[in-house]
Amino acid sequence: MIHILYNPKSNCGKDFENVLNSVKDYYKNEEQNAVDITTVEDTKALFDTFDDSDDVVLVGGDGTLNVLCNNLRGYDIKNRLFLFKAGSGNDFLRDVELSLEGDDAKVVQINEYINNLPVVTVKGKEYLFVNNVGYGIDGKVCTAAEDERAKGKKEINYTTLAIKLLLTSYKSNGAKVTVDGVTKEFKKVWLAPVMNGLFYGGGMMPAPQQNRKGDSLSCCVIHSTNAIQTLIIFPSLFKGEHIKYKKKVEVMSGREIKVEFDAPQDVQIDGEIIRDVTEISAKKFADLKLRDAEV
């Protein structure tokens, strides 16, 4: 049996019926059970109904995977779990495909990749994250995109939104970044994402050496620039070449990373939004395996 768990809102719902049909066609020789995951109140109870020999296919993007992992925290997954590419960013699969020698696979088994998830604490609550925690203008961009979707807009260009915010309403702030107990202070910080994977934001590489299978996280800080200088640096993030701006960019790695802004910022966790946050604290757990973290 193939259990197809789908999120009809992935990729803003664009062309999703065709995506779902392509998944069903991919498994046309298997008995299928399709479930709208957004209607499931207890994900663990749903998985309890699956036979151990059943396969589970998640149809969605990074945000859908994030929600599934958080809903399954503390649960031992017995089934083979696959991800079918159907999001707007697909940064998780973009990263994983590198370990598959560049294969542009439609379906990838992901059990091993979600058995080493870090946890971030925001406003006193813990969240597992798959790719990254975006803090700074990237969080604000996701908030702006969410507001646009609420107005009914489906075609959203995140890069265009970022440029617009840089040139208009977004203001940089001071920040402190503490990595494994060592604190550095920065002025005029525009970006300070904490990375578990290599990619975010549709292909940006803020920490080019980050390895999701490793035992550390990375934080990239773009600081001490004005809006125009930040715009000059911004395109190089997609190739990881921004690190050449050594006076304006710093990448730090460690098992525990805390970022504190001196004014509230919006945060995105794999695309999921939390507004008006003053600090985040992330930890890498090499043996977390979706179980409850000891904090």
C-alpha atoms as a PDB file:
ATOM      1  CA  MET A   1       0.000   0.000   0.000  1.00  0.00           C
ATOM      2  CA  ILE A   2       1.161   3.511  -0.856  1.00  0.00           C
ATOM      3  CA  HIS A   3      -0.151   6.264   1.410  1.00  0.00           C
ATOM      4  CA  ILE A   4      -0.011   9.615  -0.394  1.00  0.00           C
ATOM      5  CA  LEU A   5      -0.054  12.504   2.068  1.00  0.00           C
ATOM      6  CA  TYR A   6      -0.556  15.724   0.157  1.00  0.00           C
ATOM      7  CA  ASN A   7      -0.765  19.420   0.935  1.00  0.00           C
ATOM      8  CA  PRO A   8      -3.043  21.114  -1.641  1.00  0.00           C
ATOM      9  CA  LYS A   9      -1.649  24.513  -0.606  1.00  0.00           C
ATOM     10  CA  SER A  10       1.937  23.669  -1.602  1.00  0.00           C
ATOM     11  CA  ASN A  11       3.396  26.011  -4.208  1.00  0.00           C
ATOM     12  CA  CYS A  12       0.484  28.358  -3.407  1.00  0.00           C
ATOM     13  CA  GLY A  13      -1.880  25.684  -4.726  1.00  0.00           C
ATOM     14  CA  LYS A  14      -0.662  26.328  -8.258  1.00  0.00           C
ATOM     15  CA  ASP A  15      -1.358  23.407 -10.602  1.00  0.00           C
ATOM     16  CA  PHE A  16      -1.593  21.102  -7.590  1.00  0.00           C
ATOM     17  CA  GLU A  17      -4.277  18.820  -9.042  1.00  0.00           C
ATOM     18  CA  ASN A  18      -1.942  17.953 -11.900  1.00  0.00           C
ATOM     19  CA  VAL A  19       0.895  17.352  -9.427  1.00  0.00           C
ATOM     20  CA  LEU A  20      -1.246  14.977  -7.387  1.00  0.00           C
ATOM     21  CA  ASN A  21      -2.332  13.156 -10.526  1.00  0.00           C
ATOM     22  CA  SER A  22       1.299  12.729 -11.528  1.00  0.00           C
ATOM     23  CA  VAL A  23       2.053  11.167  -8.126  1.00  0.00           C
ATOM     24  CA  LYS A  24      -0.848   8.751  -8.519  1.00  0.00           C
ATOM     25  CA  ASP A  25       0.335   7.889 -12.013  1.00  0.00           C
ATOM     26  CA  TYR A  26       3.871   7.324 -10.693  1.00  0.00           C
ATOM     27  CA  TYR A  27       2.457   4.664  -8.367  1.00  0.00           C
ATOM     28  CA  LYS A  28      -0.212   3.416 -10.774  1.00  0.00           C
ATOM     29  CA  ASN A  29       0.730  -0.223 -10.181  1.00  0.00           C
ATOM     30  CA  GLU A  30       0.334   0.086  -6.390  1.00  0.00           C
ATOM     31  CA  GLU A  31      -2.721   0.156  -4.151  1.00  0.00           C
ATOM     32  CA  GLN A  32      -3.131   3.801  -3.070  1.00  0.00           C
ATOM     33  CA  ASN A  33      -4.590   5.761  -0.190  1.00  0.00           C
ATOM     34  CA  ALA A  34      -4.572   9.545  -0.697  1.00  0.00           C
ATOM     35  CA  VAL A  35      -4.934  11.819   2.356  1.00  0.00           C
ATOM     36  CA  ASP A  36      -5.089  15.616   2.546  1.00  0.00           C
ATOM     37  CA  ILE A  37      -2.525  16.093   5.339  1.00  0.00           C
ATOM     38  CA  THR A  38      -3.897  19.553   6.181  1.00  0.00           C
ATOM     39  CA  THR A  39      -7.123  17.926   7.422  1.00  0.00           C
ATOM     40  CA  VAL A  40      -5.394  15.438   9.758  1.00  0.00           C
ATOM     41  CA  GLU A  41      -5.698  16.375  13.418  1.00  0.00           C
ATOM     42  CA  ASP A  42      -3.387  13.659  14.815  1.00  0.00           C
ATOM     43  CA  THR A  43      -0.552  12.682  12.478  1.00  0.00           C
ATOM     44  CA  LYS A  44       0.830  10.066  14.878  1.00  0.00           C
ATOM     45  CA  ALA A  45      -2.553   8.352  15.057  1.00  0.00           C
ATOM     46  CA  LEU A  46      -2.677   8.338  11.256  1.00  0.00           C
ATOM     47  CA  PHE A  47       0.742   6.647  11.042  1.00  0.00           C
ATOM     48  CA  ASP A  48      -0.423   4.101  13.621  1.00  0.00           C
ATOM     49  CA  THR A  49      -2.997   2.891  11.084  1.00  0.00           C
ATOM     50  CA  PHE A  50      -0.297   2.090   8.505  1.00  0.00           C
ATOM     51  CA  ASP A  51       1.185  -1.397   8.217  1.00  0.00           C
ATOM     52  CA  ASP A  52       4.949  -1.506   8.699  1.00  0.00           C
ATOM     53  CA  SER A  53       5.348  -2.701   5.103  1.00  0.00           C
ATOM     54  CA  ASP A  54       3.420   0.282   3.693  1.00  0.00           C
ATOM     55  CA  ASP A  55       5.253   3.170   2.042  1.00  0.00           C
ATOM     56  CA  VAL A  56       4.369   6.807   2.712  1.00  0.00           C
ATOM     57  CA  VAL A  57       4.829   9.572   0.132  1.00  0.00           C
ATOM     58  CA  LEU A  58       4.649  13.206   1.212  1.00  0.00           C
ATOM     59  CA  VAL A  59       3.615  15.567  -1.587  1.00  0.00           C
ATOM     60  CA  GLY A  60       4.649  19.119  -0.773  1.00  0.00           C
ATOM     61  CA  GLY A  61       7.559  21.456  -0.192  1.00  0.00           C
ATOM     62  CA  ASP A  62       9.845  22.423   2.658  1.00  0.00           C
ATOM     63  CA  GLY A  63       7.066  23.898   4.784  1.00  0.00           C
ATOM     64  CA  THR A  64       4.956  20.751   4.452  1.00  0.00           C
ATOM     65  CA  LEU A  65       7.916  18.592   5.480  1.00  0.00           C
ATOM     66  CA  ASN A  66       8.605  20.870   8.456  1.00  0.00           C
ATOM     67  CA  VAL A  67       5.026  20.573   9.718  1.00  0.00           C
ATOM     68  CA  LEU A  68       5.063  16.781   9.305  1.00  0.00           C
ATOM     69  CA  CYS A  69       8.305  16.423  11.268  1.00  0.00           C
ATOM     70  CA  ASN A  70       7.038  18.621  14.096  1.00  0.00           C
ATOM     71  CA  ASN A  71       3.745  16.726  14.221  1.00  0.00           C
ATOM     72  CA  LEU A  72       5.674  13.431  14.423  1.00  0.00           C
ATOM     73  CA  ARG A  73       8.123  14.549  17.082  1.00  0.00           C
ATOM     74  CA  GLY A  74       8.544  11.747  19.602  1.00  0.00           C
ATOM     75  CA  TYR A  75       7.258   9.164  17.107  1.00  0.00           C
ATOM     76  CA  ASP A  76       9.282   6.228  15.755  1.00  0.00           C
ATOM     77  CA  ILE A  77       8.530   6.037  12.030  1.00  0.00           C
ATOM     78  CA  LYS A  78       8.342   2.389  10.921  1.00  0.00           C
ATOM     79  CA  ASN A  79       7.539   3.061   7.259  1.00  0.00           C
ATOM     80  CA  ARG A  80       9.719   4.103   4.393  1.00  0.00           C
ATOM     81  CA  LEU A  81       9.010   7.806   3.931  1.00  0.00           C
ATOM     82  CA  PHE A  82       9.416   9.531   0.564  1.00  0.00           C
ATOM     83  CA  LEU A  83       9.105  13.140  -0.577  1.00  0.00           C
ATOM     84  CA  PHE A  84       7.631  14.042  -3.969  1.00  0.00           C
ATOM     85  CA  LYS A  85       8.766  17.457  -5.211  1.00  0.00           C
ATOM     86  CA  ALA A  86       5.785  19.837  -5.122  1.00  0.00           C
ATOM     87  CA  GLY A  87       6.781  23.055  -3.338  1.00  0.00           C
ATOM     88  CA  SER A  88       7.823  26.533  -4.389  1.00  0.00           C
ATOM     89  CA  GLY A  89      11.387  26.416  -3.058  1.00  0.00           C
ATOM     90  CA  ASN A  90      12.236  22.702  -2.726  1.00  0.00           C
ATOM     91  CA  ASP A  91      15.516  23.539  -0.984  1.00  0.00           C
ATOM     92  CA  PHE A  92      15.511  20.293   0.979  1.00  0.00           C
ATOM     93  CA  LEU A  93      15.441  18.186  -2.180  1.00  0.00           C
ATOM     94  CA  ARG A  94      17.912  20.509  -3.881  1.00  0.00           C
ATOM     95  CA  ASP A  95      20.340  19.722  -1.053  1.00  0.00           C
ATOM     96  CA  VAL A  96      19.616  16.001  -0.837  1.00  0.00           C
ATOM     97  CA  GLU A  97      19.998  15.529  -4.593  1.00  0.00           C
ATOM     98  CA  LEU A  98      23.649  16.578  -4.282  1.00  0.00           C
ATOM     99  CA  SER A  99      24.271  13.422  -2.263  1.00  0.00           C
ATOM    100  CA  LEU A 100      22.504  11.458  -5.000  1.00  0.00           C
ATOM    101  CA  GLU A 101      25.149  12.539  -7.508  1.00  0.00           C
ATOM    102  CA  GLY A 102      23.001  15.287  -8.956  1.00  0.00           C
ATOM    103  CA  ASP A 103      19.976  13.167  -9.783  1.00  0.00           C
ATOM    104  CA  ASP A 104      16.900  15.322 -10.350  1.00  0.00           C
ATOM    105  CA  ALA A 105      14.636  12.735  -8.739  1.00  0.00           C
ATOM    106  CA  LYS A 106      10.885  13.124  -8.522  1.00  0.00           C
ATOM    107  CA  VAL A 107      10.738  10.943  -5.409  1.00  0.00           C
ATOM    108  CA  VAL A 108      13.420  10.605  -2.730  1.00  0.00           C
ATOM    109  CA  GLN A 109      13.400   8.468   0.406  1.00  0.00           C
ATOM    110  CA  ILE A 110      14.047  10.824   3.309  1.00  0.00           C
ATOM    111  CA  ASN A 111      14.070   8.767   6.535  1.00  0.00           C
ATOM    112  CA  GLU A 112      17.808   9.189   7.081  1.00  0.00           C
ATOM    113  CA  TYR A 113      17.680  12.945   6.459  1.00  0.00           C
ATOM    114  CA  ILE A 114      15.047  13.683   9.088  1.00  0.00           C
ATOM    115  CA  ASN A 115      16.674  11.523  11.770  1.00  0.00           C
ATOM    116  CA  ASN A 116      19.152  14.275  12.590  1.00  0.00           C
ATOM    117  CA  LEU A 117      17.013  17.376  12.997  1.00  0.00           C
ATOM    118  CA  PRO A 118      17.965  20.369  15.129  1.00  0.00           C
ATOM    119  CA  VAL A 119      15.609  22.281  17.387  1.00  0.00           C
ATOM    120  CA  VAL A 120      15.075  26.031  17.690  1.00  0.00           C
ATOM    121  CA  THR A 121      13.441  27.827  20.609  1.00  0.00           C
ATOM    122  CA  VAL A 122      11.330  30.872  19.729  1.00  0.00           C
ATOM    123  CA  LYS A 123       9.236  32.709  22.308  1.00  0.00           C
ATOM    124  CA  GLY A 124       9.670  29.822  24.718  1.00  0.00           C
ATOM    125  CA  LYS A 125       8.452  27.139  22.282  1.00  0.00           C
ATOM    126  CA  GLU A 126      10.570  24.506  20.542  1.00  0.00           C
ATOM    127  CA  TYR A 127      10.377  23.661  16.856  1.00  0.00           C
ATOM    128  CA  LEU A 128      12.281  21.128  14.791  1.00  0.00           C
ATOM    129  CA  PHE A 129      13.624  22.548  11.552  1.00  0.00           C
ATOM    130  CA  VAL A 130      14.711  20.878   8.351  1.00  0.00           C
ATOM    131  CA  ASN A 131      16.619  23.524   6.367  1.00  0.00           C
ATOM    132  CA  ASN A 132      16.959  26.751   8.285  1.00  0.00           C
ATOM    133  CA  VAL A 133      15.669  29.432  10.583  1.00  0.00           C
ATOM    134  CA  GLY A 134      15.600  32.750   8.705  1.00  0.00           C
ATOM    135  CA  TYR A 135      16.156  35.787  10.893  1.00  0.00           C
ATOM    136  CA  GLY A 136      16.334  39.277   9.431  1.00  0.00           C
ATOM    137  CA  ILE A 137      15.093  40.409   6.058  1.00  0.00           C
ATOM    138  CA  ASP A 138      14.457  36.805   4.968  1.00  0.00           C
ATOM    139  CA  GLY A 139      11.893  36.464   7.741  1.00  0.00           C
ATOM    140  CA  LYS A 140      10.308  39.735   6.676  1.00  0.00           C
ATOM    141  CA  VAL A 141      10.164  38.576   3.052  1.00  0.00           C
ATOM    142  CA  CYS A 142       8.229  35.461   4.090  1.00  0.00           C
ATOM    143  CA  THR A 143       5.861  37.616   6.147  1.00  0.00           C
ATOM    144  CA  ALA A 144       5.291  39.909   3.162  1.00  0.00           C
ATOM    145  CA  ALA A 145       4.671  36.874   0.925  1.00  0.00           C
ATOM    146  CA  GLU A 146       2.180  35.480   3.433  1.00  0.00           C
ATOM    147  CA  ASP A 147       0.363  38.820   3.462  1.00  0.00           C
ATOM    148  CA  GLU A 148       0.265  38.794  -0.349  1.00  0.00           C
ATOM    149  CA  ARG A 149      -1.191  35.286  -0.390  1.00  0.00           C
ATOM    150  CA  ALA A 150      -3.838  36.357   2.116  1.00  0.00           C
ATOM    151  CA  LYS A 151      -4.901  38.945  -0.459  1.00  0.00           C
ATOM    152  CA  GLY A 152      -5.318  36.209  -3.062  1.00  0.00           C
ATOM    153  CA  LYS A 153      -2.045  36.632  -4.954  1.00  0.00           C
ATOM    154  CA  LYS A 154      -0.512  33.336  -6.132  1.00  0.00           C
ATOM    155  CA  GLU A 155       2.450  34.425  -8.254  1.00  0.00           C
ATOM    156  CA  ILE A 156       5.000  35.647  -5.683  1.00  0.00           C
ATOM    157  CA  ASN A 157       8.641  36.387  -6.456  1.00  0.00           C
ATOM    158  CA  TYR A 158      10.660  36.285  -3.242  1.00  0.00           C
ATOM    159  CA  THR A 159      13.716  37.944  -4.759  1.00  0.00           C
ATOM    160  CA  THR A 160      11.629  40.863  -5.982  1.00  0.00           C
ATOM    161  CA  LEU A 161      10.055  41.189  -2.542  1.00  0.00           C
ATOM    162  CA  ALA A 162      13.493  41.214  -0.902  1.00  0.00           C
ATOM    163  CA  ILE A 163      14.745  43.981  -3.182  1.00  0.00           C
ATOM    164  CA  LYS A 164      11.601  46.025  -2.590  1.00  0.00           C
ATOM    165  CA  LEU A 165      11.936  45.707   1.182  1.00  0.00           C
ATOM    166  CA  LEU A 166      15.631  46.572   1.104  1.00  0.00           C
ATOM    167  CA  LEU A 167      14.922  49.751  -0.803  1.00  0.00           C
ATOM    168  CA  THR A 168      11.861  50.805   1.176  1.00  0.00           C
ATOM    169  CA  SER A 169      10.617  49.750   4.592  1.00  0.00           C
ATOM    170  CA  TYR A 170      13.130  47.267   6.022  1.00  0.00           C
ATOM    171  CA  LYS A 171      15.644  48.680   8.490  1.00  0.00           C
ATOM    172  CA  SER A 172      18.765  46.903   9.706  1.00  0.00           C
ATOM    173  CA  ASN A 173      19.410  46.483  13.420  1.00  0.00           C
ATOM    174  CA  GLY A 174      22.191  45.520  15.766  1.00  0.00           C
ATOM    175  CA  ALA A 175      22.524  41.874  16.747  1.00  0.00           C
ATOM    176  CA  LYS A 176      24.481  39.555  19.007  1.00  0.00           C
ATOM    177  CA  VAL A 177      25.376  36.064  17.829  1.00  0.00           C
ATOM    178  CA  THR A 178      26.548  33.489  20.347  1.00  0.00           C
ATOM    179  CA  VAL A 179      28.087  30.264  19.016  1.00  0.00           C
ATOM    180  CA  ASP A 180      28.977  27.577  21.554  1.00  0.00           C
ATOM    181  CA  GLY A 181      29.261  30.211  24.282  1.00  0.00           C
ATOM    182  CA  VAL A 182      31.310  32.775  22.318  1.00  0.00           C
ATOM    183  CA  THR A 183      29.466  36.039  21.590  1.00  0.00           C
ATOM    184  CA  LYS A 184      30.076  38.540  18.793  1.00  0.00           C
ATOM    185  CA  GLU A 185      28.223  41.807  18.310  1.00  0.00           C
ATOM    186  CA  PHE A 186      27.349  43.241  14.900  1.00  0.00           C
ATOM    187  CA  LYS A 187      25.972  46.556  13.696  1.00  0.00           C
ATOM    188  CA  LYS A 188      23.448  47.041  10.891  1.00  0.00           C
ATOM    189  CA  VAL A 189      22.587  43.369  10.456  1.00  0.00           C
ATOM    190  CA  TRP A 190      20.431  42.512   7.436  1.00  0.00           C
ATOM    191  CA  LEU A 191      20.572  38.740   7.488  1.00  0.00           C
ATOM    192  CA  ALA A 192      21.387  36.179  10.197  1.00  0.00           C
ATOM    193  CA  PRO A 193      19.931  32.790   9.169  1.00  0.00           C
ATOM    194  CA  VAL A 194      20.793  29.636  11.085  1.00  0.00           C
ATOM    195  CA  MET A 195      21.371  26.793   8.647  1.00  0.00           C
ATOM    196  CA  ASN A 196      20.971  23.043   9.008  1.00  0.00           C
ATOM    197  CA  GLY A 197      20.953  22.375   5.264  1.00  0.00           C
ATOM    198  CA  LEU A 198      22.891  23.963   2.441  1.00  0.00           C
ATOM    199  CA  PHE A 199      20.080  25.858   0.701  1.00  0.00           C
ATOM    200  CA  TYR A 200      17.190  28.165   1.494  1.00  0.00           C
ATOM    201  CA  GLY A 201      15.145  30.844  -0.220  1.00  0.00           C
ATOM    202  CA  GLY A 202      14.971  28.966  -3.523  1.00  0.00           C
ATOM    203  CA  GLY A 203      18.652  28.134  -3.906  1.00  0.00           C
ATOM    204  CA  MET A 204      20.651  30.595  -1.786  1.00  0.00           C
ATOM    205  CA  MET A 205      23.705  29.195   0.020  1.00  0.00           C
ATOM    206  CA  PRO A 206      24.436  31.455   3.005  1.00  0.00           C
ATOM    207  CA  ALA A 207      26.775  28.839   4.557  1.00  0.00           C
ATOM    208  CA  PRO A 208      28.448  27.072   1.597  1.00  0.00           C
ATOM    209  CA  GLN A 209      30.192  24.458   3.769  1.00  0.00           C
ATOM    210  CA  GLN A 210      27.122  23.459   5.780  1.00  0.00           C
ATOM    211  CA  ASN A 211      26.352  19.736   5.853  1.00  0.00           C
ATOM    212  CA  ARG A 212      22.963  18.601   7.152  1.00  0.00           C
ATOM    213  CA  LYS A 213      24.460  15.234   8.112  1.00  0.00           C
ATOM    214  CA  GLY A 214      27.186  16.876  10.179  1.00  0.00           C
ATOM    215  CA  ASP A 215      27.142  17.682  13.888  1.00  0.00           C
ATOM    216  CA  SER A 216      26.949  21.478  13.650  1.00  0.00           C
ATOM    217  CA  LEU A 217      24.774  24.357  12.487  1.00  0.00           C
ATOM    218  CA  SER A 218      25.956  27.511  10.726  1.00  0.00           C
ATOM    219  CA  CYS A 219      24.945  31.169  11.013  1.00  0.00           C
ATOM    220  CA  CYS A 220      25.646  33.653   8.233  1.00  0.00           C
ATOM    221  CA  VAL A 221      25.660  37.320   9.222  1.00  0.00           C
ATOM    222  CA  ILE A 222      25.548  40.080   6.605  1.00  0.00           C
ATOM    223  CA  HIS A 223      26.294  43.294   8.465  1.00  0.00           C
ATOM    224  CA  SER A 224      27.755  46.790   8.428  1.00  0.00           C
ATOM    225  CA  THR A 225      26.351  47.684   5.023  1.00  0.00           C
ATOM    226  CA  ASN A 226      23.703  50.010   3.680  1.00  0.00           C
ATOM    227  CA  ALA A 227      20.792  48.867   1.500  1.00  0.00           C
ATOM    228  CA  ILE A 228      22.655  49.384  -1.792  1.00  0.00           C
ATOM    229  CA  GLN A 229      25.747  47.495  -0.581  1.00  0.00           C
ATOM    230  CA  THR A 230      23.501  44.663   0.595  1.00  0.00           C
ATOM    231  CA  LEU A 231      21.861  44.539  -2.846  1.00  0.00           C
ATOM    232  CA  ILE A 232      25.303  44.194  -4.411  1.00  0.00           C
ATOM    233  CA  ILE A 233      26.118  41.252  -2.151  1.00  0.00           C
ATOM    234  CA  PHE A 234      22.689  39.609  -2.427  1.00  0.00           C
ATOM    235  CA  PRO A 235      23.016  37.894  -5.881  1.00  0.00           C
ATOM    236  CA  SER A 236      26.247  36.181  -4.831  1.00  0.00           C
ATOM    237  CA  LEU A 237      24.323  34.245  -2.153  1.00  0.00           C
ATOM    238  CA  PHE A 238      22.990  31.938  -4.876  1.00  0.00           C
ATOM    239  CA  LYS A 239      26.515  30.688  -5.622  1.00  0.00           C
ATOM    240  CA  GLY A 240      27.911  30.978  -2.106  1.00  0.00           C
ATOM    241  CA  GLU A 241      30.321  33.656  -3.341  1.00  0.00           C
ATOM    242  CA  HIS A 242      29.190  36.271  -0.795  1.00  0.00           C
ATOM    243  CA  ILE A 243      31.825  35.003   1.639  1.00  0.00           C
ATOM    244  CA  LYS A 244      34.461  36.918  -0.332  1.00  0.00           C
ATOM    245  CA  TYR A 245      33.115  40.105   1.282  1.00  0.00           C
ATOM    246  CA  LYS A 246      35.017  39.307   4.449  1.00  0.00           C
ATOM    247  CA  LYS A 247      34.394  42.650   6.169  1.00  0.00           C
ATOM    248  CA  LYS A 248      30.655  42.428   5.567  1.00  0.00           C
ATOM    249  CA  VAL A 249      29.945  38.700   5.820  1.00  0.00           C
ATOM    250  CA  GLU A 250      30.778  36.246   8.593  1.00  0.00           C
ATOM    251  CA  VAL A 251      29.844  32.574   8.772  1.00  0.00           C
ATOM    252  CA  MET A 252      30.077  30.842  12.157  1.00  0.00           C
ATOM    253  CA  SER A 253      29.470  27.178  12.965  1.00  0.00           C
ATOM    254  CA  GLY A 254      28.740  25.283  16.166  1.00  0.00           C
ATOM    255  CA  ARG A 255      26.344  22.981  17.977  1.00  0.00           C
ATOM    256  CA  GLU A 256      24.473  25.800  19.724  1.00  0.00           C
ATOM    257  CA  ILE A 257      23.690  29.167  18.122  1.00  0.00           C
ATOM    258  CA  LYS A 258      21.787  32.059  19.654  1.00  0.00           C
ATOM    259  CA  VAL A 259      20.871  35.210  17.731  1.00  0.00           C
ATOM    260  CA  GLU A 260      19.561  38.297  19.514  1.00  0.00           C
ATOM    261  CA  PHE A 261      18.350  41.395  17.653  1.00  0.00           C
ATOM    262  CA  ASP A 262      17.978  44.731  19.419  1.00  0.00           C
ATOM    263  CA  ALA A 263      14.527  45.206  17.840  1.00  0.00           C
ATOM    264  CA  PRO A 264      11.761  42.670  17.060  1.00  0.00           C
ATOM    265  CA  GLN A 265      12.143  40.776  13.775  1.00  0.00           C
ATOM    266  CA  ASP A 266       9.986  38.277  11.923  1.00  0.00           C
ATOM    267  CA  VAL A 267      11.321  34.723  11.800  1.00  0.00           C
ATOM    268  CA  GLN A 268      10.665  31.968   9.269  1.00  0.00           C
ATOM    269  CA  ILE A 269      11.254  28.320  10.129  1.00  0.00           C
ATOM    270  CA  ASP A 270      11.398  26.440   6.825  1.00  0.00           C
ATOM    271  CA  GLY A 271       8.941  29.044   5.553  1.00  0.00           C
ATOM    272  CA  GLU A 272       6.594  28.960   8.556  1.00  0.00           C
ATOM    273  CA  ILE A 273       6.236  32.454  10.070  1.00  0.00           C
ATOM    274  CA  ILE A 274       6.563  33.734  13.644  1.00  0.00           C
ATOM    275  CA  ARG A 275       6.274  37.500  14.003  1.00  0.00           C
ATOM    276  CA  ASP A 276       7.932  40.003  16.334  1.00  0.00           C
ATOM    277  CA  VAL A 277      10.792  37.906  17.726  1.00  0.00           C
ATOM    278  CA  THR A 278      13.767  39.337  19.644  1.00  0.00           C
ATOM    279  CA  GLU A 279      15.884  36.172  19.954  1.00  0.00           C
ATOM    280  CA  ILE A 280      16.198  32.592  18.769  1.00  0.00           C
ATOM    281  CA  SER A 281      18.265  29.732  20.154  1.00  0.00           C
ATOM    282  CA  ALA A 282      19.094  26.689  18.013  1.00  0.00           C
ATOM    283  CA  LYS A 283      20.740  23.400  18.945  1.00  0.00           C
ATOM    284  CA  LYS A 284      21.999  20.509  16.843  1.00  0.00           C
ATOM    285  CA  PHE A 285      21.145  17.062  18.188  1.00  0.00           C
ATOM    286  CA  ALA A 286      23.001  14.261  16.456  1.00  0.00           C
ATOM    287  CA  ASP A 287      20.650  11.638  17.913  1.00  0.00           C
ATOM    288  CA  LEU A 288      17.355  13.543  18.005  1.00  0.00           C
ATOM    289  CA  LYS A 289      15.513  11.250  15.558  1.00  0.00           C
ATOM    290  CA  LEU A 290      12.254  13.163  15.932  1.00  0.00           C
ATOM    291  CA  ARG A 291      12.258  12.380  19.636  1.00  0.00           C
ATOM    292  CA  ASP A 292      11.817  14.980  22.358  1.00  0.00           C
ATOM    293  CA  ALA A 293      14.985  16.987  22.902  1.00  0.00           C
ATOM    294  CA  GLU A 294      16.526  17.293  26.328  1.00  0.00           C
ATOM    295  CA  VAL A 295      16.994  21.003  26.947  1.00  0.00           C
END
